[in-house]
Amino acid sequence: MLIAQHKRAEALECFRKAVQLRPNSAQAWHNLGSARVGETITGEAIPLHVGRRSSVWQTRITNEGGRLLALVTQTQMILVD
C-alpha cells in the first residue's frame, strides 16, 4: 500500500520497526524452488497492508534469471511501548 502511494521510505521504516520489536515473530513458508550454491538471489518485500497495530508483507525471492524461488507472506504485530 505505501509503496503504491510512493512512500517507499515509510514502508521500509515500518518493516524495520516491526522486525526490531519482534524479530522472531514472523512465520514464513516457501516451497517454490531453490538456488544453486554461488548463485545470486534477490529478495523484494512489499507491504500489502500497514496499519496502526499490524502490517502484512509479501517477499518475493528470485534467482539471477528472475525465476521465483520463494513467496513469503508475513503478518507483523506492532507493539507500542
N, C-alpha and C. Protein backbone atom coordinates (compact mmCIF):
# COMPACT_ATOMS: atom_id res chain seq x y z
N MET A 1 0.81 -1.18 0.00
CA MET A 1 0.00 0.00 0.00
C MET A 1 0.87 1.26 0.00
N LEU A 2 1.82 1.33 0.91
CA LEU A 2 2.65 2.53 0.99
C LEU A 2 3.50 2.70 -0.25
N ILE A 3 4.03 1.61 -0.78
CA ILE A 3 4.84 1.73 -1.99
C ILE A 3 3.97 2.19 -3.16
N ALA A 4 2.75 1.69 -3.23
CA ALA A 4 1.84 2.14 -4.28
C ALA A 4 1.55 3.63 -4.16
N GLN A 5 1.65 4.15 -2.94
CA GLN A 5 1.45 5.58 -2.69
C GLN A 5 2.76 6.36 -2.77
N HIS A 6 3.81 5.70 -3.29
CA HIS A 6 5.13 6.31 -3.43
C HIS A 6 5.72 6.73 -2.07
N LYS A 7 5.48 5.90 -1.06
CA LYS A 7 6.00 6.14 0.29
C LYS A 7 6.93 4.99 0.67
N ARG A 8 7.88 4.70 -0.21
CA ARG A 8 8.78 3.56 -0.02
C ARG A 8 9.58 3.67 1.28
N ALA A 9 10.12 4.85 1.57
CA ALA A 9 10.93 5.03 2.79
C ALA A 9 10.09 4.75 4.03
N GLU A 10 8.85 5.22 4.03
CA GLU A 10 7.96 4.97 5.17
C GLU A 10 7.64 3.48 5.30
N ALA A 11 7.43 2.82 4.17
CA ALA A 11 7.15 1.39 4.19
C ALA A 11 8.33 0.61 4.75
N LEU A 12 9.53 0.95 4.32
CA LEU A 12 10.72 0.27 4.82
C LEU A 12 10.93 0.53 6.30
N GLU A 13 10.66 1.74 6.75
CA GLU A 13 10.80 2.06 8.17
C GLU A 13 9.79 1.27 9.01
N CYS A 14 8.58 1.12 8.52
CA CYS A 14 7.58 0.31 9.22
C CYS A 14 8.05 -1.13 9.35
N PHE A 15 8.61 -1.66 8.26
CA PHE A 15 9.11 -3.03 8.29
C PHE A 15 10.26 -3.16 9.29
N ARG A 16 11.21 -2.22 9.24
CA ARG A 16 12.35 -2.28 10.17
C ARG A 16 11.90 -2.22 11.61
N LYS A 17 10.92 -1.38 11.90
CA LYS A 17 10.42 -1.26 13.27
C LYS A 17 9.76 -2.57 13.71
N ALA A 18 8.97 -3.17 12.83
CA ALA A 18 8.32 -4.43 13.17
C ALA A 18 9.35 -5.52 13.46
N VAL A 19 10.38 -5.60 12.65
CA VAL A 19 11.43 -6.60 12.86
C VAL A 19 12.20 -6.31 14.13
N GLN A 20 12.47 -5.05 14.40
CA GLN A 20 13.21 -4.67 15.61
C GLN A 20 12.42 -5.02 16.87
N LEU A 21 11.13 -4.78 16.86
CA LEU A 21 10.31 -5.04 18.04
C LEU A 21 10.15 -6.52 18.33
N ARG A 22 9.95 -7.32 17.30
CA ARG A 22 9.73 -8.76 17.47
C ARG A 22 10.45 -9.53 16.37
N PRO A 23 11.76 -9.65 16.46
CA PRO A 23 12.50 -10.28 15.35
C PRO A 23 12.17 -11.75 15.12
N ASN A 24 11.61 -12.42 16.09
CA ASN A 24 11.33 -13.85 15.92
C ASN A 24 9.85 -14.16 15.77
N SER A 25 9.04 -13.16 15.47
CA SER A 25 7.59 -13.38 15.45
C SER A 25 7.04 -13.79 14.09
N ALA A 26 7.81 -13.68 13.05
CA ALA A 26 7.30 -13.98 11.70
C ALA A 26 7.29 -15.47 11.43
N GLN A 27 6.29 -15.91 10.70
CA GLN A 27 6.26 -17.28 10.20
C GLN A 27 6.34 -17.18 8.69
N ALA A 28 7.23 -17.95 8.10
CA ALA A 28 7.43 -17.88 6.66
C ALA A 28 7.38 -19.28 6.07
N TRP A 29 6.75 -19.39 4.92
CA TRP A 29 6.67 -20.65 4.20
C TRP A 29 7.23 -20.45 2.80
N HIS A 30 8.02 -21.38 2.33
CA HIS A 30 8.50 -21.33 0.96
C HIS A 30 8.60 -22.75 0.43
N ASN A 31 8.21 -22.92 -0.80
CA ASN A 31 8.26 -24.26 -1.39
C ASN A 31 8.30 -24.22 -2.92
N LEU A 32 8.79 -23.13 -3.49
CA LEU A 32 8.76 -22.99 -4.93
C LEU A 32 10.03 -23.44 -5.63
N GLY A 33 11.15 -23.45 -4.96
CA GLY A 33 12.39 -23.84 -5.62
C GLY A 33 13.59 -23.57 -4.73
N SER A 34 14.78 -23.74 -5.30
CA SER A 34 15.99 -23.49 -4.55
C SER A 34 17.04 -22.89 -5.46
N ALA A 35 18.03 -22.25 -4.84
CA ALA A 35 19.13 -21.65 -5.60
C ALA A 35 20.33 -22.57 -5.54
N ARG A 36 21.15 -22.49 -6.56
CA ARG A 36 22.40 -23.26 -6.56
C ARG A 36 23.44 -22.56 -5.72
N VAL A 37 24.39 -23.31 -5.20
CA VAL A 37 25.49 -22.74 -4.43
C VAL A 37 26.22 -21.73 -5.31
N GLY A 38 26.44 -20.54 -4.78
CA GLY A 38 27.13 -19.48 -5.51
C GLY A 38 26.23 -18.61 -6.36
N GLU A 39 24.98 -19.00 -6.52
CA GLU A 39 24.03 -18.22 -7.31
C GLU A 39 23.54 -17.01 -6.50
N THR A 40 23.43 -15.87 -7.16
CA THR A 40 22.91 -14.67 -6.50
C THR A 40 21.39 -14.72 -6.51
N ILE A 41 20.80 -14.46 -5.35
CA ILE A 41 19.35 -14.37 -5.26
C ILE A 41 18.98 -12.96 -4.81
N THR A 42 17.76 -12.57 -5.13
CA THR A 42 17.28 -11.24 -4.78
C THR A 42 15.96 -11.37 -4.05
N GLY A 43 15.81 -10.58 -3.00
CA GLY A 43 14.55 -10.54 -2.27
C GLY A 43 13.96 -9.14 -2.31
N GLU A 44 12.67 -9.07 -2.54
CA GLU A 44 11.97 -7.79 -2.54
C GLU A 44 10.73 -7.93 -1.67
N ALA A 45 10.64 -7.09 -0.64
CA ALA A 45 9.49 -7.12 0.26
C ALA A 45 8.62 -5.90 0.00
N ILE A 46 7.33 -6.14 -0.13
CA ILE A 46 6.40 -5.03 -0.30
C ILE A 46 5.30 -5.13 0.76
N PRO A 47 4.87 -4.01 1.28
CA PRO A 47 3.78 -4.05 2.26
C PRO A 47 2.44 -4.23 1.55
N LEU A 48 1.67 -5.18 2.01
CA LEU A 48 0.32 -5.35 1.49
C LEU A 48 -0.67 -4.54 2.31
N HIS A 49 -0.35 -4.38 3.59
CA HIS A 49 -1.18 -3.58 4.49
C HIS A 49 -0.29 -3.09 5.63
N VAL A 50 -0.39 -1.82 5.96
CA VAL A 50 0.30 -1.28 7.13
C VAL A 50 -0.73 -0.49 7.92
N GLY A 51 -1.01 -0.99 9.11
CA GLY A 51 -1.97 -0.33 9.99
C GLY A 51 -1.29 0.15 11.24
N ARG A 52 -2.08 0.58 12.20
CA ARG A 52 -1.51 1.07 13.46
C ARG A 52 -0.99 -0.07 14.33
N ARG A 53 -1.61 -1.24 14.27
CA ARG A 53 -1.26 -2.35 15.14
C ARG A 53 -0.62 -3.53 14.43
N SER A 54 -0.73 -3.60 13.11
CA SER A 54 -0.14 -4.73 12.39
C SER A 54 0.19 -4.32 10.96
N SER A 55 1.04 -5.13 10.36
CA SER A 55 1.36 -4.95 8.95
C SER A 55 1.50 -6.32 8.31
N VAL A 56 1.19 -6.39 7.02
CA VAL A 56 1.30 -7.62 6.26
C VAL A 56 2.25 -7.36 5.10
N TRP A 57 3.26 -8.22 4.96
CA TRP A 57 4.30 -8.04 3.95
C TRP A 57 4.38 -9.27 3.09
N GLN A 58 4.70 -9.06 1.80
CA GLN A 58 4.94 -10.17 0.90
C GLN A 58 6.35 -10.02 0.33
N THR A 59 7.13 -11.08 0.44
CA THR A 59 8.51 -11.07 -0.05
C THR A 59 8.64 -12.07 -1.18
N ARG A 60 9.21 -11.63 -2.29
CA ARG A 60 9.50 -12.48 -3.44
C ARG A 60 11.00 -12.70 -3.51
N ILE A 61 11.42 -13.96 -3.55
CA ILE A 61 12.83 -14.32 -3.69
C ILE A 61 12.99 -14.89 -5.10
N THR A 62 13.88 -14.30 -5.88
CA THR A 62 14.11 -14.76 -7.25
C THR A 62 15.60 -15.05 -7.47
N ASN A 63 15.88 -15.89 -8.47
CA ASN A 63 17.27 -16.17 -8.82
C ASN A 63 17.75 -15.19 -9.88
N GLU A 64 18.96 -15.39 -10.35
CA GLU A 64 19.57 -14.47 -11.33
C GLU A 64 18.75 -14.37 -12.61
N GLY A 65 18.06 -15.45 -12.98
CA GLY A 65 17.26 -15.45 -14.20
C GLY A 65 15.85 -14.92 -14.00
N GLY A 66 15.53 -14.51 -12.77
CA GLY A 66 14.20 -13.99 -12.50
C GLY A 66 13.18 -15.04 -12.10
N ARG A 67 13.62 -16.31 -11.98
CA ARG A 67 12.70 -17.39 -11.59
C ARG A 67 12.31 -17.23 -10.12
N LEU A 68 11.03 -17.33 -9.84
CA LEU A 68 10.54 -17.21 -8.48
C LEU A 68 10.93 -18.45 -7.67
N LEU A 69 11.67 -18.24 -6.58
CA LEU A 69 12.10 -19.34 -5.72
C LEU A 69 11.24 -19.45 -4.47
N ALA A 70 10.80 -18.32 -3.97
CA ALA A 70 10.01 -18.33 -2.74
C ALA A 70 9.08 -17.13 -2.73
N LEU A 71 7.93 -17.33 -2.14
CA LEU A 71 6.98 -16.26 -1.93
C LEU A 71 6.55 -16.36 -0.48
N VAL A 72 6.88 -15.35 0.29
CA VAL A 72 6.65 -15.37 1.73
C VAL A 72 5.68 -14.27 2.09
N THR A 73 4.65 -14.60 2.85
CA THR A 73 3.73 -13.60 3.37
C THR A 73 3.84 -13.62 4.89
N GLN A 74 4.05 -12.45 5.47
CA GLN A 74 4.24 -12.33 6.91
C GLN A 74 3.27 -11.32 7.49
N THR A 75 2.78 -11.60 8.67
CA THR A 75 2.00 -10.63 9.43
C THR A 75 2.82 -10.23 10.64
N GLN A 76 3.01 -8.95 10.79
CA GLN A 76 3.81 -8.42 11.89
C GLN A 76 2.91 -7.61 12.82
N MET A 77 3.00 -7.87 14.10
CA MET A 77 2.28 -7.07 15.08
C MET A 77 3.17 -5.92 15.51
N ILE A 78 2.62 -4.74 15.60
CA ILE A 78 3.37 -3.57 16.04
C ILE A 78 3.01 -3.32 17.49
N LEU A 79 3.98 -3.50 18.36
CA LEU A 79 3.78 -3.29 19.78
C LEU A 79 4.19 -1.87 20.17
N VAL A 80 3.35 -1.21 20.91
CA VAL A 80 3.62 0.16 21.32
C VAL A 80 4.02 0.14 22.79
N ASP A 81 5.15 0.78 23.08
CA ASP A 81 5.61 0.85 24.48
C ASP A 81 4.73 1.77 25.30
